[in-house]
Amino acid sequence: MPVAAFVPLIVAAVAWVGYCLWDLSQSEVKSLPKWAWALIIAFSVPFGGVAYLLLGRDHV
């Protein structure tokens, strides 16, 4: 399988992590410190971002 077939998937993953980290920097969090959420987002793509968006943000 050509490497070029994975480029859109890699771009989407980087964009997802970037969005989640940007949102993390702009939002208040609950249950964990921001640095812990950043590690979860970065090392558990895409599930870390989903967990952060559903469980980690403090919806004020």
PDB file of N, CA and C in Angstrom:
ATOM      1  N   MET A   1       0.852  -1.184   0.000  1.00  0.00           N
ATOM      2  CA  MET A   1       0.000   0.000   0.000  1.00  0.00           C
ATOM      3  C   MET A   1       0.900   1.251   0.000  1.00  0.00           C
ATOM      4  N   PRO A   2       0.631   2.198  -0.874  1.00  0.00           N
ATOM      5  CA  PRO A   2       1.468   3.400  -0.946  1.00  0.00           C
ATOM      6  C   PRO A   2       1.333   4.277   0.306  1.00  0.00           C
ATOM      7  N   VAL A   3       2.417   4.915   0.638  1.00  0.00           N
ATOM      8  CA  VAL A   3       2.446   5.801   1.801  1.00  0.00           C
ATOM      9  C   VAL A   3       1.493   6.971   1.618  1.00  0.00           C
ATOM     10  N   ALA A   4       1.299   7.400   0.402  1.00  0.00           N
ATOM     11  CA  ALA A   4       0.421   8.542   0.121  1.00  0.00           C
ATOM     12  C   ALA A   4      -1.015   8.275   0.552  1.00  0.00           C
ATOM     13  N   ALA A   5      -1.390   7.022   0.671  1.00  0.00           N
ATOM     14  CA  ALA A   5      -2.751   6.695   1.102  1.00  0.00           C
ATOM     15  C   ALA A   5      -2.971   7.076   2.567  1.00  0.00           C
ATOM     16  N   PHE A   6      -1.916   7.160   3.348  1.00  0.00           N
ATOM     17  CA  PHE A   6      -2.030   7.492   4.760  1.00  0.00           C
ATOM     18  C   PHE A   6      -1.961   8.991   5.044  1.00  0.00           C
ATOM     19  N   VAL A   7      -1.578   9.780   4.078  1.00  0.00           N
ATOM     20  CA  VAL A   7      -1.419  11.222   4.287  1.00  0.00           C
ATOM     21  C   VAL A   7      -2.709  11.889   4.764  1.00  0.00           C
ATOM     22  N   PRO A   8      -3.875  11.639   4.158  1.00  0.00           N
ATOM     23  CA  PRO A   8      -5.095  12.285   4.675  1.00  0.00           C
ATOM     24  C   PRO A   8      -5.419  11.883   6.114  1.00  0.00           C
ATOM     25  N   LEU A   9      -5.162  10.631   6.459  1.00  0.00           N
ATOM     26  CA  LEU A   9      -5.400  10.172   7.818  1.00  0.00           C
ATOM     27  C   LEU A   9      -4.472  10.855   8.814  1.00  0.00           C
ATOM     28  N   ILE A  10      -3.228  11.018   8.445  1.00  0.00           N
ATOM     29  CA  ILE A  10      -2.258  11.689   9.310  1.00  0.00           C
ATOM     30  C   ILE A  10      -2.613  13.164   9.462  1.00  0.00           C
ATOM     31  N   VAL A  11      -3.000  13.803   8.368  1.00  0.00           N
ATOM     32  CA  VAL A  11      -3.398  15.216   8.426  1.00  0.00           C
ATOM     33  C   VAL A  11      -4.619  15.390   9.325  1.00  0.00           C
ATOM     34  N   ALA A  12      -5.592  14.497   9.205  1.00  0.00           N
ATOM     35  CA  ALA A  12      -6.786  14.571  10.049  1.00  0.00           C
ATOM     36  C   ALA A  12      -6.435  14.368  11.522  1.00  0.00           C
ATOM     37  N   ALA A  13      -5.545  13.438  11.816  1.00  0.00           N
ATOM     38  CA  ALA A  13      -5.151  13.188  13.204  1.00  0.00           C
ATOM     39  C   ALA A  13      -4.422  14.390  13.797  1.00  0.00           C
ATOM     40  N   VAL A  14      -3.542  14.998  13.037  1.00  0.00           N
ATOM     41  CA  VAL A  14      -2.812  16.180  13.515  1.00  0.00           C
ATOM     42  C   VAL A  14      -3.775  17.342  13.722  1.00  0.00           C
ATOM     43  N   ALA A  15      -4.730  17.513  12.812  1.00  0.00           N
ATOM     44  CA  ALA A  15      -5.722  18.585  12.964  1.00  0.00           C
ATOM     45  C   ALA A  15      -6.585  18.343  14.199  1.00  0.00           C
ATOM     46  N   TRP A  16      -6.986  17.095  14.448  1.00  0.00           N
ATOM     47  CA  TRP A  16      -7.805  16.750  15.611  1.00  0.00           C
ATOM     48  C   TRP A  16      -7.067  17.055  16.908  1.00  0.00           C
ATOM     49  N   VAL A  17      -5.814  16.630  16.999  1.00  0.00           N
ATOM     50  CA  VAL A  17      -5.015  16.896  18.190  1.00  0.00           C
ATOM     51  C   VAL A  17      -4.812  18.396  18.357  1.00  0.00           C
ATOM     52  N   GLY A  18      -4.536  19.097  17.263  1.00  0.00           N
ATOM     53  CA  GLY A  18      -4.364  20.547  17.329  1.00  0.00           C
ATOM     54  C   GLY A  18      -5.606  21.249  17.834  1.00  0.00           C
ATOM     55  N   TYR A  19      -6.770  20.854  17.321  1.00  0.00           N
ATOM     56  CA  TYR A  19      -8.018  21.459  17.779  1.00  0.00           C
ATOM     57  C   TYR A  19      -8.245  21.187  19.261  1.00  0.00           C
ATOM     58  N   CYS A  20      -8.056  19.948  19.677  1.00  0.00           N
ATOM     59  CA  CYS A  20      -8.293  19.600  21.082  1.00  0.00           C
ATOM     60  C   CYS A  20      -7.328  20.342  22.011  1.00  0.00           C
ATOM     61  N   LEU A  21      -6.066  20.461  21.619  1.00  0.00           N
ATOM     62  CA  LEU A  21      -5.105  21.198  22.446  1.00  0.00           C
ATOM     63  C   LEU A  21      -5.436  22.687  22.470  1.00  0.00           C
ATOM     64  N   TRP A  22      -5.887  23.237  21.355  1.00  0.00           N
ATOM     65  CA  TRP A  22      -6.292  24.641  21.331  1.00  0.00           C
ATOM     66  C   TRP A  22      -7.495  24.850  22.258  1.00  0.00           C
ATOM     67  N   ASP A  23      -8.483  23.962  22.164  1.00  0.00           N
ATOM     68  CA  ASP A  23      -9.655  24.076  23.023  1.00  0.00           C
ATOM     69  C   ASP A  23      -9.267  23.928  24.494  1.00  0.00           C
ATOM     70  N   LEU A  24      -8.339  23.029  24.771  1.00  0.00           N
ATOM     71  CA  LEU A  24      -7.847  22.853  26.139  1.00  0.00           C
ATOM     72  C   LEU A  24      -7.235  24.145  26.672  1.00  0.00           C
ATOM     73  N   SER A  25      -6.502  24.858  25.834  1.00  0.00           N
ATOM     74  CA  SER A  25      -5.863  26.092  26.282  1.00  0.00           C
ATOM     75  C   SER A  25      -6.878  27.209  26.528  1.00  0.00           C
ATOM     76  N   GLN A  26      -8.055  27.111  25.891  1.00  0.00           N
ATOM     77  CA  GLN A  26      -9.063  28.158  26.004  1.00  0.00           C
ATOM     78  C   GLN A  26     -10.130  27.869  27.059  1.00  0.00           C
ATOM     79  N   SER A  27     -10.203  26.643  27.559  1.00  0.00           N
ATOM     80  CA  SER A  27     -11.305  26.224  28.413  1.00  0.00           C
ATOM     81  C   SER A  27     -10.843  25.927  29.837  1.00  0.00           C
ATOM     82  N   GLU A  28     -11.810  25.908  30.717  1.00  0.00           N
ATOM     83  CA  GLU A  28     -11.587  25.405  32.065  1.00  0.00           C
ATOM     84  C   GLU A  28     -11.803  23.894  32.033  1.00  0.00           C
ATOM     85  N   VAL A  29     -11.065  23.182  32.869  1.00  0.00           N
ATOM     86  CA  VAL A  29     -11.167  21.727  32.888  1.00  0.00           C
ATOM     87  C   VAL A  29     -11.637  21.248  34.248  1.00  0.00           C
ATOM     88  N   LYS A  30     -12.079  19.989  34.273  1.00  0.00           N
ATOM     89  CA  LYS A  30     -12.469  19.386  35.535  1.00  0.00           C
ATOM     90  C   LYS A  30     -11.793  18.027  35.657  1.00  0.00           C
ATOM     91  N   SER A  31     -11.640  17.573  36.840  1.00  0.00           N
ATOM     92  CA  SER A  31     -11.173  16.235  37.219  1.00  0.00           C
ATOM     93  C   SER A  31      -9.688  15.945  36.990  1.00  0.00           C
ATOM     94  N   LEU A  32      -9.007  16.650  36.127  1.00  0.00           N
ATOM     95  CA  LEU A  32      -7.572  16.471  35.908  1.00  0.00           C
ATOM     96  C   LEU A  32      -6.953  17.832  35.586  1.00  0.00           C
ATOM     97  N   PRO A  33      -5.668  18.003  35.872  1.00  0.00           N
ATOM     98  CA  PRO A  33      -5.010  19.252  35.457  1.00  0.00           C
ATOM     99  C   PRO A  33      -4.843  19.299  33.929  1.00  0.00           C
ATOM    100  N   LYS A  34      -4.639  20.503  33.422  1.00  0.00           N
ATOM    101  CA  LYS A  34      -4.528  20.676  31.974  1.00  0.00           C
ATOM    102  C   LYS A  34      -3.368  19.879  31.391  1.00  0.00           C
ATOM    103  N   TRP A  35      -2.249  19.795  32.091  1.00  0.00           N
ATOM    104  CA  TRP A  35      -1.103  19.059  31.547  1.00  0.00           C
ATOM    105  C   TRP A  35      -1.436  17.581  31.372  1.00  0.00           C
ATOM    106  N   ALA A  36      -2.244  17.033  32.280  1.00  0.00           N
ATOM    107  CA  ALA A  36      -2.628  15.625  32.164  1.00  0.00           C
ATOM    108  C   ALA A  36      -3.545  15.423  30.960  1.00  0.00           C
ATOM    109  N   TRP A  37      -4.491  16.343  30.765  1.00  0.00           N
ATOM    110  CA  TRP A  37      -5.362  16.239  29.596  1.00  0.00           C
ATOM    111  C   TRP A  37      -4.545  16.376  28.320  1.00  0.00           C
ATOM    112  N   ALA A  38      -3.543  17.252  28.309  1.00  0.00           N
ATOM    113  CA  ALA A  38      -2.705  17.421  27.119  1.00  0.00           C
ATOM    114  C   ALA A  38      -1.984  16.118  26.777  1.00  0.00           C
ATOM    115  N   LEU A  39      -1.479  15.411  27.776  1.00  0.00           N
ATOM    116  CA  LEU A  39      -0.818  14.131  27.524  1.00  0.00           C
ATOM    117  C   LEU A  39      -1.805  13.090  27.000  1.00  0.00           C
ATOM    118  N   ILE A  40      -2.986  13.048  27.589  1.00  0.00           N
ATOM    119  CA  ILE A  40      -4.003  12.096  27.141  1.00  0.00           C
ATOM    120  C   ILE A  40      -4.396  12.376  25.696  1.00  0.00           C
ATOM    121  N   ILE A  41      -4.602  13.648  25.370  1.00  0.00           N
ATOM    122  CA  ILE A  41      -4.976  14.025  24.003  1.00  0.00           C
ATOM    123  C   ILE A  41      -3.875  13.642  23.026  1.00  0.00           C
ATOM    124  N   ALA A  42      -2.627  13.930  23.378  1.00  0.00           N
ATOM    125  CA  ALA A  42      -1.513  13.723  22.450  1.00  0.00           C
ATOM    126  C   ALA A  42      -1.172  12.254  22.244  1.00  0.00           C
ATOM    127  N   PHE A  43      -1.310  11.438  23.274  1.00  0.00           N
ATOM    128  CA  PHE A  43      -0.847  10.058  23.172  1.00  0.00           C
ATOM    129  C   PHE A  43      -1.949   9.040  22.944  1.00  0.00           C
ATOM    130  N   SER A  44      -3.180   9.484  22.903  1.00  0.00           N
ATOM    131  CA  SER A  44      -4.279   8.557  22.694  1.00  0.00           C
ATOM    132  C   SER A  44      -5.211   9.091  21.611  1.00  0.00           C
ATOM    133  N   VAL A  45      -4.680   9.197  20.408  1.00  0.00           N
ATOM    134  CA  VAL A  45      -5.423   9.743  19.270  1.00  0.00           C
ATOM    135  C   VAL A  45      -6.327   8.644  18.708  1.00  0.00           C
ATOM    136  N   PRO A  46      -7.558   8.869  18.442  1.00  0.00           N
ATOM    137  CA  PRO A  46      -8.397  10.036  18.648  1.00  0.00           C
ATOM    138  C   PRO A  46      -9.173   9.974  19.962  1.00  0.00           C
ATOM    139  N   PHE A  47      -9.036   8.870  20.700  1.00  0.00           N
ATOM    140  CA  PHE A  47      -9.876   8.664  21.882  1.00  0.00           C
ATOM    141  C   PHE A  47      -9.589   9.646  23.007  1.00  0.00           C
ATOM    142  N   GLY A  48      -8.351  10.116  23.124  1.00  0.00           N
ATOM    143  CA  GLY A  48      -8.029  11.105  24.146  1.00  0.00           C
ATOM    144  C   GLY A  48      -8.759  12.413  23.915  1.00  0.00           C
ATOM    145  N   GLY A  49      -8.845  12.830  22.665  1.00  0.00           N
ATOM    146  CA  GLY A  49      -9.580  14.052  22.335  1.00  0.00           C
ATOM    147  C   GLY A  49     -11.065  13.913  22.583  1.00  0.00           C
ATOM    148  N   VAL A  50     -11.606  12.760  22.244  1.00  0.00           N
ATOM    149  CA  VAL A  50     -13.029  12.519  22.483  1.00  0.00           C
ATOM    150  C   VAL A  50     -13.306  12.523  23.985  1.00  0.00           C
ATOM    151  N   ALA A  51     -12.445  11.853  24.757  1.00  0.00           N
ATOM    152  CA  ALA A  51     -12.619  11.816  26.216  1.00  0.00           C
ATOM    153  C   ALA A  51     -12.546  13.218  26.803  1.00  0.00           C
ATOM    154  N   TYR A  52     -11.586  14.016  26.327  1.00  0.00           N
ATOM    155  CA  TYR A  52     -11.474  15.385  26.818  1.00  0.00           C
ATOM    156  C   TYR A  52     -12.732  16.190  26.505  1.00  0.00           C
ATOM    157  N   LEU A  53     -13.187  16.132  25.254  1.00  0.00           N
ATOM    158  CA  LEU A  53     -14.347  16.931  24.865  1.00  0.00           C
ATOM    159  C   LEU A  53     -15.615  16.504  25.598  1.00  0.00           C
ATOM    160  N   LEU A  54     -15.761  15.221  25.885  1.00  0.00           N
ATOM    161  CA  LEU A  54     -16.964  14.750  26.564  1.00  0.00           C
ATOM    162  C   LEU A  54     -16.874  14.836  28.083  1.00  0.00           C
ATOM    163  N   LEU A  55     -15.702  14.569  28.642  1.00  0.00           N
ATOM    164  CA  LEU A  55     -15.571  14.438  30.099  1.00  0.00           C
ATOM    165  C   LEU A  55     -14.704  15.514  30.752  1.00  0.00           C
ATOM    166  N   GLY A  56     -13.784  16.088  30.008  1.00  0.00           N
ATOM    167  CA  GLY A  56     -12.796  16.958  30.622  1.00  0.00           C
ATOM    168  C   GLY A  56     -13.129  18.430  30.679  1.00  0.00           C
ATOM    169  N   ARG A  57     -13.962  18.892  29.754  1.00  0.00           N
ATOM    170  CA  ARG A  57     -14.288  20.319  29.745  1.00  0.00           C
ATOM    171  C   ARG A  57     -15.299  20.632  30.833  1.00  0.00           C
ATOM    172  N   ASP A  58     -15.103  21.772  31.451  1.00  0.00           N
ATOM    173  CA  ASP A  58     -16.055  22.252  32.432  1.00  0.00           C
ATOM    174  C   ASP A  58     -17.031  23.164  31.720  1.00  0.00           C
ATOM    175  N   HIS A  59     -18.242  22.681  31.472  1.00  0.00           N
ATOM    176  CA  HIS A  59     -19.253  23.446  30.751  1.00  0.00           C
ATOM    177  C   HIS A  59     -19.891  24.451  31.707  1.00  0.00           C
ATOM    178  N   VAL A  60     -19.419  25.687  31.598  1.00  0.00           N
ATOM    179  CA  VAL A  60     -19.923  26.739  32.491  1.00  0.00           C
ATOM    180  C   VAL A  60     -21.115  27.418  31.865  1.00  0.00           C
TER     181      VAL A  60
END
